[in-house]
Amino acid sequence: MKMSMKTRREVLLVLSERYRQAKTRAEKSAILDETVALLNCHRKHAIRALGSPPKSALTQRKRHRPLAYQASLPIIYRVWEALDYPCAERLHPVLLETARLLASHGHLTLDETVCTELQTISRATLARRLASFRSPKAKPVVSKRKPLAALRAEVPMLSYAWNESRPGALEIDLVEHNGGSSLGHFAYTLTVVDVVTGYTRRRALLGKSQRAVLQELTFIVSQWPHKPWGVHTDNGPEFLNAHLKAFCTSAGPSLPAAALTAKTTTHTWNRKTVCWFANWSATNAMIPRSKFSG
């Protein structure tokens, strides 16, 4: 049976005392055999353990000196309450100043001892004192739900076959017109290309909100010369969202039960790269390299 560390320590303390008091070599050898059998260890380890046994578990020392800054705790609480319960990092620089301001309006009373404590208390000590107070403010609830991650788990990671011959395999993406800087709000070109025929359509939009992208994509698909059967996007939130998923999975004349898939880098990328690079080059050739913002 495996012993706990506490039990092993107690056994070693008893055996080490017997080992120290043993007079003959045979007695020590018998104690070593017993130690090896009990602790299931090597004989050399048993010799070292019995020669220098572990110390007994130290009892936790009790604090004898009283807590500091007890006289100023009510004042600290009043200041903390008046400032809407900030953290110690924000409260510490203005603690004494705010206490004096409240005292000048008669909300509390200060004396020399309290002012000295408020001036000398450290930020770490103040944080420990604030931890003992109860704040009436509701704690922020951090949601662990990640809707985009859940949606990504539902979308299959597929790619078109390298010898795909059915028109209607669409590849969609956005081209930025940011003038060399992605800061701020600017225009995009939504580009849709058929990886089989190379047929391309483009629509301009301001920003890349999910609804704006869906609106322009719906317009393009409604005028597509072939019946689309697949929509291939990257995993950005402007594409991979509930709006586009509902659009692709809903039955309709434009895109009946089309597959929304995320891009993968496989050997099928060669032909898609040729179509996509030609399309990207054409978009940037038609539109100057400047920033369009609204």
C-alpha atoms as a PDB file:
ATOM      1  CA  MET A   1       0.000   0.000   0.000  1.00  0.00           C
ATOM      2  CA  LYS A   2       1.362   3.429  -0.970  1.00  0.00           C
ATOM      3  CA  MET A   3       2.111   5.735   1.956  1.00  0.00           C
ATOM      4  CA  SER A   4       1.436   9.427   2.051  1.00  0.00           C
ATOM      5  CA  MET A   5       4.337  11.813   2.493  1.00  0.00           C
ATOM      6  CA  LYS A   6       3.244  12.536   6.051  1.00  0.00           C
ATOM      7  CA  THR A   7       3.244   8.813   6.932  1.00  0.00           C
ATOM      8  CA  ARG A   8       6.628   8.277   5.258  1.00  0.00           C
ATOM      9  CA  ARG A   9       8.059  11.134   7.289  1.00  0.00           C
ATOM     10  CA  GLU A  10       6.727   9.673  10.537  1.00  0.00           C
ATOM     11  CA  VAL A  11       8.061   6.195   9.701  1.00  0.00           C
ATOM     12  CA  LEU A  12      11.500   7.587   8.839  1.00  0.00           C
ATOM     13  CA  LEU A  13      11.648   9.540  12.100  1.00  0.00           C
ATOM     14  CA  VAL A  14      10.956   6.385  14.145  1.00  0.00           C
ATOM     15  CA  LEU A  15      13.337   4.174  12.149  1.00  0.00           C
ATOM     16  CA  SER A  16      16.106   6.788  12.126  1.00  0.00           C
ATOM     17  CA  GLU A  17      15.982   6.969  15.926  1.00  0.00           C
ATOM     18  CA  ARG A  18      16.297   3.168  16.155  1.00  0.00           C
ATOM     19  CA  TYR A  19      19.086   3.223  13.535  1.00  0.00           C
ATOM     20  CA  ARG A  20      20.987   5.846  15.548  1.00  0.00           C
ATOM     21  CA  GLN A  21      20.723   3.816  18.764  1.00  0.00           C
ATOM     22  CA  ALA A  22      21.694   0.483  17.140  1.00  0.00           C
ATOM     23  CA  LYS A  23      24.958  -0.926  18.561  1.00  0.00           C
ATOM     24  CA  THR A  24      25.929  -3.654  16.107  1.00  0.00           C
ATOM     25  CA  ARG A  25      26.206  -3.869  12.368  1.00  0.00           C
ATOM     26  CA  ALA A  26      23.605  -6.649  12.266  1.00  0.00           C
ATOM     27  CA  GLU A  27      21.020  -4.450  14.022  1.00  0.00           C
ATOM     28  CA  LYS A  28      21.592  -1.611  11.560  1.00  0.00           C
ATOM     29  CA  SER A  29      21.373  -4.041   8.633  1.00  0.00           C
ATOM     30  CA  ALA A  30      18.040  -5.360   9.952  1.00  0.00           C
ATOM     31  CA  ILE A  31      16.682  -1.797  10.271  1.00  0.00           C
ATOM     32  CA  LEU A  32      17.832  -1.063   6.698  1.00  0.00           C
ATOM     33  CA  ASP A  33      16.013  -4.179   5.444  1.00  0.00           C
ATOM     34  CA  GLU A  34      12.868  -3.052   7.266  1.00  0.00           C
ATOM     35  CA  THR A  35      13.136   0.467   5.785  1.00  0.00           C
ATOM     36  CA  VAL A  36      13.573  -0.858   2.232  1.00  0.00           C
ATOM     37  CA  ALA A  37      10.562  -3.167   2.680  1.00  0.00           C
ATOM     38  CA  LEU A  38       8.313  -0.470   4.161  1.00  0.00           C
ATOM     39  CA  LEU A  39       9.218   2.412   1.869  1.00  0.00           C
ATOM     40  CA  ASN A  40       9.906   0.357  -1.266  1.00  0.00           C
ATOM     41  CA  CYS A  41      13.138   2.252  -1.945  1.00  0.00           C
ATOM     42  CA  HIS A  42      16.758   1.502  -2.840  1.00  0.00           C
ATOM     43  CA  ARG A  43      19.102   0.484  -0.008  1.00  0.00           C
ATOM     44  CA  LYS A  44      21.409   3.439  -0.667  1.00  0.00           C
ATOM     45  CA  HIS A  45      18.471   5.822  -0.403  1.00  0.00           C
ATOM     46  CA  ALA A  46      17.440   4.163   2.879  1.00  0.00           C
ATOM     47  CA  ILE A  47      20.961   4.710   4.293  1.00  0.00           C
ATOM     48  CA  ARG A  48      20.875   8.403   3.362  1.00  0.00           C
ATOM     49  CA  ALA A  49      17.330   8.851   4.688  1.00  0.00           C
ATOM     50  CA  LEU A  50      18.088   7.188   8.017  1.00  0.00           C
ATOM     51  CA  GLY A  51      21.321   9.155   8.372  1.00  0.00           C
ATOM     52  CA  SER A  52      19.619  12.504   7.844  1.00  0.00           C
ATOM     53  CA  PRO A  53      15.893  12.069   8.563  1.00  0.00           C
ATOM     54  CA  PRO A  54      13.404  14.729   7.470  1.00  0.00           C
ATOM     55  CA  LYS A  55      12.342  17.305   9.978  1.00  0.00           C
ATOM     56  CA  SER A  56       8.916  17.026  11.480  1.00  0.00           C
ATOM     57  CA  ALA A  57       6.221  19.182   9.925  1.00  0.00           C
ATOM     58  CA  LEU A  58       6.491  22.696  11.255  1.00  0.00           C
ATOM     59  CA  THR A  59       3.408  24.078  12.885  1.00  0.00           C
ATOM     60  CA  GLN A  60       2.191  27.348  11.467  1.00  0.00           C
ATOM     61  CA  ARG A  61       3.406  30.254  13.513  1.00  0.00           C
ATOM     62  CA  LYS A  62       0.723  32.449  14.960  1.00  0.00           C
ATOM     63  CA  ARG A  63       0.875  36.156  14.418  1.00  0.00           C
ATOM     64  CA  HIS A  64       1.767  37.881  17.672  1.00  0.00           C
ATOM     65  CA  ARG A  65       1.852  41.506  16.554  1.00  0.00           C
ATOM     66  CA  PRO A  66      -1.489  43.219  15.892  1.00  0.00           C
ATOM     67  CA  LEU A  67      -2.591  44.323  12.438  1.00  0.00           C
ATOM     68  CA  ALA A  68      -1.442  47.775  11.477  1.00  0.00           C
ATOM     69  CA  TYR A  69      -3.637  50.655  10.302  1.00  0.00           C
ATOM     70  CA  GLN A  70      -6.601  49.541  12.411  1.00  0.00           C
ATOM     71  CA  ALA A  71      -7.463  53.128  13.389  1.00  0.00           C
ATOM     72  CA  SER A  72      -7.766  54.219   9.747  1.00  0.00           C
ATOM     73  CA  LEU A  73      -9.850  51.276   8.464  1.00  0.00           C
ATOM     74  CA  PRO A  74     -13.229  53.084   8.914  1.00  0.00           C
ATOM     75  CA  ILE A  75     -11.824  56.124   7.090  1.00  0.00           C
ATOM     76  CA  ILE A  76     -10.460  53.937   4.289  1.00  0.00           C
ATOM     77  CA  TYR A  77     -13.868  52.309   3.896  1.00  0.00           C
ATOM     78  CA  ARG A  78     -15.661  55.679   3.724  1.00  0.00           C
ATOM     79  CA  VAL A  79     -13.246  56.958   1.070  1.00  0.00           C
ATOM     80  CA  TRP A  80     -13.514  53.671  -0.846  1.00  0.00           C
ATOM     81  CA  GLU A  81     -17.308  53.929  -0.718  1.00  0.00           C
ATOM     82  CA  ALA A  82     -17.325  57.590  -1.798  1.00  0.00           C
ATOM     83  CA  LEU A  83     -15.187  56.811  -4.873  1.00  0.00           C
ATOM     84  CA  ASP A  84     -17.471  53.922  -5.944  1.00  0.00           C
ATOM     85  CA  TYR A  85     -15.306  51.049  -4.679  1.00  0.00           C
ATOM     86  CA  PRO A  86     -12.154  51.351  -6.817  1.00  0.00           C
ATOM     87  CA  CYS A  87      -9.220  48.965  -6.674  1.00  0.00           C
ATOM     88  CA  ALA A  88      -6.186  49.661  -4.509  1.00  0.00           C
ATOM     89  CA  GLU A  89      -4.112  50.856  -7.471  1.00  0.00           C
ATOM     90  CA  ARG A  90      -6.614  53.634  -8.191  1.00  0.00           C
ATOM     91  CA  LEU A  91      -7.459  54.420  -4.572  1.00  0.00           C
ATOM     92  CA  HIS A  92      -3.932  54.672  -3.162  1.00  0.00           C
ATOM     93  CA  PRO A  93      -2.799  57.910  -4.921  1.00  0.00           C
ATOM     94  CA  VAL A  94      -5.914  59.871  -3.858  1.00  0.00           C
ATOM     95  CA  LEU A  95      -6.612  58.266  -0.478  1.00  0.00           C
ATOM     96  CA  LEU A  96      -5.391  61.035   1.822  1.00  0.00           C
ATOM     97  CA  GLU A  97      -6.539  63.859  -0.457  1.00  0.00           C
ATOM     98  CA  THR A  98     -10.085  62.471  -0.700  1.00  0.00           C
ATOM     99  CA  ALA A  99     -10.229  61.837   3.056  1.00  0.00           C
ATOM    100  CA  ARG A 100      -9.328  65.470   3.746  1.00  0.00           C
ATOM    101  CA  LEU A 101     -11.927  66.646   1.217  1.00  0.00           C
ATOM    102  CA  LEU A 102     -14.637  64.536   2.880  1.00  0.00           C
ATOM    103  CA  ALA A 103     -13.539  65.805   6.303  1.00  0.00           C
ATOM    104  CA  SER A 104     -13.826  69.413   5.134  1.00  0.00           C
ATOM    105  CA  HIS A 105     -17.489  68.762   4.267  1.00  0.00           C
ATOM    106  CA  GLY A 106     -18.172  67.070   7.584  1.00  0.00           C
ATOM    107  CA  HIS A 107     -18.565  63.503   6.332  1.00  0.00           C
ATOM    108  CA  LEU A 108     -15.788  62.134   8.574  1.00  0.00           C
ATOM    109  CA  THR A 109     -13.316  63.184  11.242  1.00  0.00           C
ATOM    110  CA  LEU A 110      -9.537  63.007  10.894  1.00  0.00           C
ATOM    111  CA  ASP A 111      -6.846  63.176  13.547  1.00  0.00           C
ATOM    112  CA  GLU A 112      -3.057  63.154  13.428  1.00  0.00           C
ATOM    113  CA  THR A 113      -2.768  59.355  13.791  1.00  0.00           C
ATOM    114  CA  VAL A 114      -5.218  58.610  10.977  1.00  0.00           C
ATOM    115  CA  CYS A 115      -3.583  61.117   8.615  1.00  0.00           C
ATOM    116  CA  THR A 116      -0.179  59.559   9.279  1.00  0.00           C
ATOM    117  CA  GLU A 117      -1.513  56.061   8.565  1.00  0.00           C
ATOM    118  CA  LEU A 118      -3.264  57.174   5.377  1.00  0.00           C
ATOM    119  CA  GLN A 119      -0.045  58.793   4.190  1.00  0.00           C
ATOM    120  CA  THR A 120       2.244  55.865   4.990  1.00  0.00           C
ATOM    121  CA  ILE A 121       0.115  52.873   4.016  1.00  0.00           C
ATOM    122  CA  SER A 122       1.502  51.021   1.004  1.00  0.00           C
ATOM    123  CA  ARG A 123      -0.507  49.985  -2.026  1.00  0.00           C
ATOM    124  CA  ALA A 124      -0.061  46.265  -1.241  1.00  0.00           C
ATOM    125  CA  THR A 125      -1.246  46.719   2.350  1.00  0.00           C
ATOM    126  CA  LEU A 126      -4.174  48.787   1.142  1.00  0.00           C
ATOM    127  CA  ALA A 127      -5.122  46.000  -1.272  1.00  0.00           C
ATOM    128  CA  ARG A 128      -5.116  43.481   1.580  1.00  0.00           C
ATOM    129  CA  ARG A 129      -7.313  45.744   3.691  1.00  0.00           C
ATOM    130  CA  LEU A 130      -9.761  46.298   0.822  1.00  0.00           C
ATOM    131  CA  ALA A 131      -9.991  42.532   0.325  1.00  0.00           C
ATOM    132  CA  SER A 132     -11.572  42.268   3.778  1.00  0.00           C
ATOM    133  CA  PHE A 133     -14.365  44.688   2.758  1.00  0.00           C
ATOM    134  CA  ARG A 134     -17.494  43.592   0.940  1.00  0.00           C
ATOM    135  CA  SER A 135     -18.423  45.621  -2.110  1.00  0.00           C
ATOM    136  CA  PRO A 136     -22.147  46.013  -2.899  1.00  0.00           C
ATOM    137  CA  LYS A 137     -21.376  46.283  -6.601  1.00  0.00           C
ATOM    138  CA  ALA A 138     -22.193  43.220  -8.667  1.00  0.00           C
ATOM    139  CA  LYS A 139     -19.169  41.336  -9.854  1.00  0.00           C
ATOM    140  CA  PRO A 140     -18.739  41.313 -13.628  1.00  0.00           C
ATOM    141  CA  VAL A 141     -19.657  37.995 -15.156  1.00  0.00           C
ATOM    142  CA  VAL A 142     -17.229  36.892 -17.842  1.00  0.00           C
ATOM    143  CA  SER A 143     -19.020  34.752 -20.347  1.00  0.00           C
ATOM    144  CA  LYS A 144     -17.175  31.617 -21.368  1.00  0.00           C
ATOM    145  CA  ARG A 145     -19.409  31.190 -24.384  1.00  0.00           C
ATOM    146  CA  LYS A 146     -17.603  31.652 -27.683  1.00  0.00           C
ATOM    147  CA  PRO A 147     -20.215  31.684 -30.444  1.00  0.00           C
ATOM    148  CA  LEU A 148     -17.640  31.918 -33.216  1.00  0.00           C
ATOM    149  CA  ALA A 149     -15.773  28.881 -31.880  1.00  0.00           C
ATOM    150  CA  ALA A 150     -19.016  26.903 -31.742  1.00  0.00           C
ATOM    151  CA  LEU A 151     -19.841  27.909 -35.306  1.00  0.00           C
ATOM    152  CA  ARG A 152     -16.371  26.953 -36.505  1.00  0.00           C
ATOM    153  CA  ALA A 153     -16.878  23.493 -35.031  1.00  0.00           C
ATOM    154  CA  GLU A 154     -20.013  23.082 -37.155  1.00  0.00           C
ATOM    155  CA  VAL A 155     -18.467  24.292 -40.412  1.00  0.00           C
ATOM    156  CA  PRO A 156     -16.551  21.531 -42.222  1.00  0.00           C
ATOM    157  CA  MET A 157     -12.928  22.178 -43.208  1.00  0.00           C
ATOM    158  CA  LEU A 158     -13.189  21.109 -46.842  1.00  0.00           C
ATOM    159  CA  SER A 159     -11.670  22.111 -50.144  1.00  0.00           C
ATOM    160  CA  TYR A 160     -12.682  21.752 -53.760  1.00  0.00           C
ATOM    161  CA  ALA A 161     -11.204  18.849 -55.678  1.00  0.00           C
ATOM    162  CA  TRP A 162      -8.247  19.751 -57.848  1.00  0.00           C
ATOM    163  CA  ASN A 163     -10.048  18.453 -60.963  1.00  0.00           C
ATOM    164  CA  GLU A 164     -13.440  19.989 -60.098  1.00  0.00           C
ATOM    165  CA  SER A 165     -15.434  20.599 -63.286  1.00  0.00           C
ATOM    166  CA  ARG A 166     -18.847  21.687 -61.994  1.00  0.00           C
ATOM    167  CA  PRO A 167     -19.412  25.449 -62.242  1.00  0.00           C
ATOM    168  CA  GLY A 168     -20.793  27.042 -59.104  1.00  0.00           C
ATOM    169  CA  ALA A 169     -17.861  26.452 -56.745  1.00  0.00           C
ATOM    170  CA  LEU A 170     -17.509  29.950 -55.323  1.00  0.00           C
ATOM    171  CA  GLU A 171     -14.516  31.482 -53.585  1.00  0.00           C
ATOM    172  CA  ILE A 172     -15.235  34.733 -51.721  1.00  0.00           C
ATOM    173  CA  ASP A 173     -13.006  37.226 -49.945  1.00  0.00           C
ATOM    174  CA  LEU A 174     -12.574  40.930 -49.215  1.00  0.00           C
ATOM    175  CA  VAL A 175      -9.957  43.272 -50.661  1.00  0.00           C
ATOM    176  CA  GLU A 176      -9.034  46.213 -48.397  1.00  0.00           C
ATOM    177  CA  HIS A 177      -8.644  49.743 -49.709  1.00  0.00           C
ATOM    178  CA  ASN A 178      -6.835  51.125 -46.659  1.00  0.00           C
ATOM    179  CA  GLY A 179      -4.053  53.183 -48.245  1.00  0.00           C
ATOM    180  CA  GLY A 180      -1.401  51.146 -46.428  1.00  0.00           C
ATOM    181  CA  SER A 181      -2.920  51.393 -42.945  1.00  0.00           C
ATOM    182  CA  SER A 182      -5.585  49.102 -41.470  1.00  0.00           C
ATOM    183  CA  LEU A 183      -6.556  51.668 -38.809  1.00  0.00           C
ATOM    184  CA  GLY A 184     -10.002  53.188 -38.957  1.00  0.00           C
ATOM    185  CA  HIS A 185     -13.066  52.596 -41.130  1.00  0.00           C
ATOM    186  CA  PHE A 186     -12.549  52.213 -44.867  1.00  0.00           C
ATOM    187  CA  ALA A 187     -13.951  50.601 -47.987  1.00  0.00           C
ATOM    188  CA  TYR A 188     -13.690  47.007 -49.159  1.00  0.00           C
ATOM    189  CA  THR A 189     -14.366  45.158 -52.357  1.00  0.00           C
ATOM    190  CA  LEU A 190     -16.240  41.888 -51.944  1.00  0.00           C
ATOM    191  CA  THR A 191     -14.946  39.576 -54.642  1.00  0.00           C
ATOM    192  CA  VAL A 192     -16.624  36.330 -55.685  1.00  0.00           C
ATOM    193  CA  VAL A 193     -14.898  34.037 -58.171  1.00  0.00           C
ATOM    194  CA  ASP A 194     -15.882  30.674 -59.612  1.00  0.00           C
ATOM    195  CA  VAL A 195     -12.794  28.474 -59.287  1.00  0.00           C
ATOM    196  CA  VAL A 196     -13.904  26.352 -62.261  1.00  0.00           C
ATOM    197  CA  THR A 197     -14.841  28.964 -64.864  1.00  0.00           C
ATOM    198  CA  GLY A 198     -12.947  31.963 -63.460  1.00  0.00           C
ATOM    199  CA  TYR A 199     -16.098  34.111 -63.650  1.00  0.00           C
ATOM    200  CA  THR A 200     -15.811  37.007 -61.195  1.00  0.00           C
ATOM    201  CA  ARG A 201     -18.145  39.597 -59.710  1.00  0.00           C
ATOM    202  CA  ARG A 202     -17.309  42.434 -57.321  1.00  0.00           C
ATOM    203  CA  ARG A 203     -19.252  44.720 -55.018  1.00  0.00           C
ATOM    204  CA  ALA A 204     -18.008  47.688 -52.998  1.00  0.00           C
ATOM    205  CA  LEU A 205     -18.995  48.150 -49.370  1.00  0.00           C
ATOM    206  CA  LEU A 206     -18.002  50.449 -46.523  1.00  0.00           C
ATOM    207  CA  GLY A 207     -16.617  48.440 -43.622  1.00  0.00           C
ATOM    208  CA  LYS A 208     -16.946  44.701 -43.293  1.00  0.00           C
ATOM    209  CA  SER A 209     -19.942  44.199 -41.052  1.00  0.00           C
ATOM    210  CA  GLN A 210     -21.642  40.828 -41.242  1.00  0.00           C
ATOM    211  CA  ARG A 211     -24.930  42.196 -42.582  1.00  0.00           C
ATOM    212  CA  ALA A 212     -23.235  44.358 -45.215  1.00  0.00           C
ATOM    213  CA  VAL A 213     -21.187  41.419 -46.485  1.00  0.00           C
ATOM    214  CA  LEU A 214     -24.275  39.195 -46.567  1.00  0.00           C
ATOM    215  CA  GLN A 215     -26.310  41.826 -48.404  1.00  0.00           C
ATOM    216  CA  GLU A 216     -23.743  42.234 -51.176  1.00  0.00           C
ATOM    217  CA  LEU A 217     -23.103  38.492 -51.420  1.00  0.00           C
ATOM    218  CA  THR A 218     -26.844  37.858 -51.790  1.00  0.00           C
ATOM    219  CA  PHE A 219     -26.980  40.367 -54.627  1.00  0.00           C
ATOM    220  CA  ILE A 220     -24.029  38.776 -56.425  1.00  0.00           C
ATOM    221  CA  VAL A 221     -25.339  35.219 -56.060  1.00  0.00           C
ATOM    222  CA  SER A 222     -28.786  36.244 -57.288  1.00  0.00           C
ATOM    223  CA  GLN A 223     -27.213  37.292 -60.612  1.00  0.00           C
ATOM    224  CA  TRP A 224     -24.730  34.403 -60.905  1.00  0.00           C
ATOM    225  CA  PRO A 225     -24.903  32.717 -64.365  1.00  0.00           C
ATOM    226  CA  HIS A 226     -24.513  29.215 -62.898  1.00  0.00           C
ATOM    227  CA  LYS A 227     -26.280  27.560 -60.007  1.00  0.00           C
ATOM    228  CA  PRO A 228     -23.911  27.898 -57.001  1.00  0.00           C
ATOM    229  CA  TRP A 229     -23.436  24.754 -54.958  1.00  0.00           C
ATOM    230  CA  GLY A 230     -20.537  25.744 -52.672  1.00  0.00           C
ATOM    231  CA  VAL A 231     -19.321  28.834 -50.835  1.00  0.00           C
ATOM    232  CA  HIS A 232     -15.690  28.791 -49.823  1.00  0.00           C
ATOM    233  CA  THR A 233     -14.535  31.452 -47.311  1.00  0.00           C
ATOM    234  CA  ASP A 234     -11.803  32.073 -44.817  1.00  0.00           C
ATOM    235  CA  ASN A 235     -12.544  31.850 -41.078  1.00  0.00           C
ATOM    236  CA  GLY A 236     -12.932  35.588 -40.424  1.00  0.00           C
ATOM    237  CA  PRO A 237     -16.039  36.740 -38.525  1.00  0.00           C
ATOM    238  CA  GLU A 238     -17.198  38.804 -41.506  1.00  0.00           C
ATOM    239  CA  PHE A 239     -17.844  35.487 -43.303  1.00  0.00           C
ATOM    240  CA  LEU A 240     -18.039  32.785 -40.674  1.00  0.00           C
ATOM    241  CA  ASN A 241     -21.185  33.897 -38.839  1.00  0.00           C
ATOM    242  CA  ALA A 242     -24.761  32.862 -38.235  1.00  0.00           C
ATOM    243  CA  HIS A 243     -26.118  35.108 -41.032  1.00  0.00           C
ATOM    244  CA  LEU A 244     -24.062  33.487 -43.776  1.00  0.00           C
ATOM    245  CA  LYS A 245     -24.631  30.013 -42.355  1.00  0.00           C
ATOM    246  CA  ALA A 246     -28.403  30.526 -42.427  1.00  0.00           C
ATOM    247  CA  PHE A 247     -28.123  31.907 -45.961  1.00  0.00           C
ATOM    248  CA  CYS A 248     -26.142  28.897 -47.172  1.00  0.00           C
ATOM    249  CA  THR A 249     -28.223  26.228 -45.464  1.00  0.00           C
ATOM    250  CA  SER A 250     -31.658  27.650 -46.293  1.00  0.00           C
ATOM    251  CA  ALA A 251     -33.507  26.248 -49.302  1.00  0.00           C
ATOM    252  CA  GLY A 252     -33.847  28.792 -52.080  1.00  0.00           C
ATOM    253  CA  PRO A 253     -33.566  29.275 -55.845  1.00  0.00           C
ATOM    254  CA  SER A 254     -30.149  30.923 -55.658  1.00  0.00           C
ATOM    255  CA  LEU A 255     -28.216  28.660 -53.331  1.00  0.00           C
ATOM    256  CA  PRO A 256     -30.098  25.505 -52.329  1.00  0.00           C
ATOM    257  CA  ALA A 257     -28.373  23.693 -49.474  1.00  0.00           C
ATOM    258  CA  ALA A 258     -24.969  25.071 -50.429  1.00  0.00           C
ATOM    259  CA  ALA A 259     -21.976  24.050 -48.345  1.00  0.00           C
ATOM    260  CA  LEU A 260     -20.287  26.755 -46.288  1.00  0.00           C
ATOM    261  CA  THR A 261     -16.687  25.608 -45.947  1.00  0.00           C
ATOM    262  CA  ALA A 262     -13.515  27.160 -44.587  1.00  0.00           C
ATOM    263  CA  LYS A 263     -10.323  27.398 -46.609  1.00  0.00           C
ATOM    264  CA  THR A 264      -7.674  24.723 -46.296  1.00  0.00           C
ATOM    265  CA  THR A 265      -4.189  24.668 -47.751  1.00  0.00           C
ATOM    266  CA  THR A 266      -4.035  21.521 -49.849  1.00  0.00           C
ATOM    267  CA  HIS A 267      -2.872  20.642 -53.312  1.00  0.00           C
ATOM    268  CA  THR A 268      -6.170  22.096 -54.627  1.00  0.00           C
ATOM    269  CA  TRP A 269      -4.836  25.561 -53.786  1.00  0.00           C
ATOM    270  CA  ASN A 270      -2.819  25.793 -57.005  1.00  0.00           C
ATOM    271  CA  ARG A 271      -5.721  26.458 -59.346  1.00  0.00           C
ATOM    272  CA  LYS A 272      -7.541  28.600 -56.800  1.00  0.00           C
ATOM    273  CA  THR A 273      -4.406  30.680 -56.331  1.00  0.00           C
ATOM    274  CA  VAL A 274      -4.168  31.401 -60.057  1.00  0.00           C
ATOM    275  CA  CYS A 275      -7.805  32.535 -60.231  1.00  0.00           C
ATOM    276  CA  TRP A 276      -7.573  34.443 -56.958  1.00  0.00           C
ATOM    277  CA  PHE A 277      -4.324  36.254 -57.692  1.00  0.00           C
ATOM    278  CA  ALA A 278      -5.603  37.311 -61.106  1.00  0.00           C
ATOM    279  CA  ASN A 279      -8.812  38.543 -59.478  1.00  0.00           C
ATOM    280  CA  TRP A 280      -6.967  40.387 -56.675  1.00  0.00           C
ATOM    281  CA  SER A 281      -4.629  42.002 -59.198  1.00  0.00           C
ATOM    282  CA  ALA A 282      -7.575  43.116 -61.334  1.00  0.00           C
ATOM    283  CA  THR A 283      -9.323  44.670 -58.329  1.00  0.00           C
ATOM    284  CA  ASN A 284      -6.254  46.647 -57.277  1.00  0.00           C
ATOM    285  CA  ALA A 285      -5.521  47.646 -60.844  1.00  0.00           C
ATOM    286  CA  MET A 286      -8.976  49.195 -61.231  1.00  0.00           C
ATOM    287  CA  ILE A 287      -8.962  50.974 -57.857  1.00  0.00           C
ATOM    288  CA  PRO A 288      -6.108  53.357 -56.856  1.00  0.00           C
ATOM    289  CA  ARG A 289      -3.956  52.416 -53.866  1.00  0.00           C
ATOM    290  CA  SER A 290      -5.467  55.025 -51.559  1.00  0.00           C
ATOM    291  CA  LYS A 291      -7.677  54.924 -48.506  1.00  0.00           C
ATOM    292  CA  PHE A 292     -11.410  55.193 -49.030  1.00  0.00           C
ATOM    293  CA  SER A 293     -13.287  55.981 -45.836  1.00  0.00           C
ATOM    294  CA  GLY A 294     -16.714  57.266 -44.978  1.00  0.00           C
END
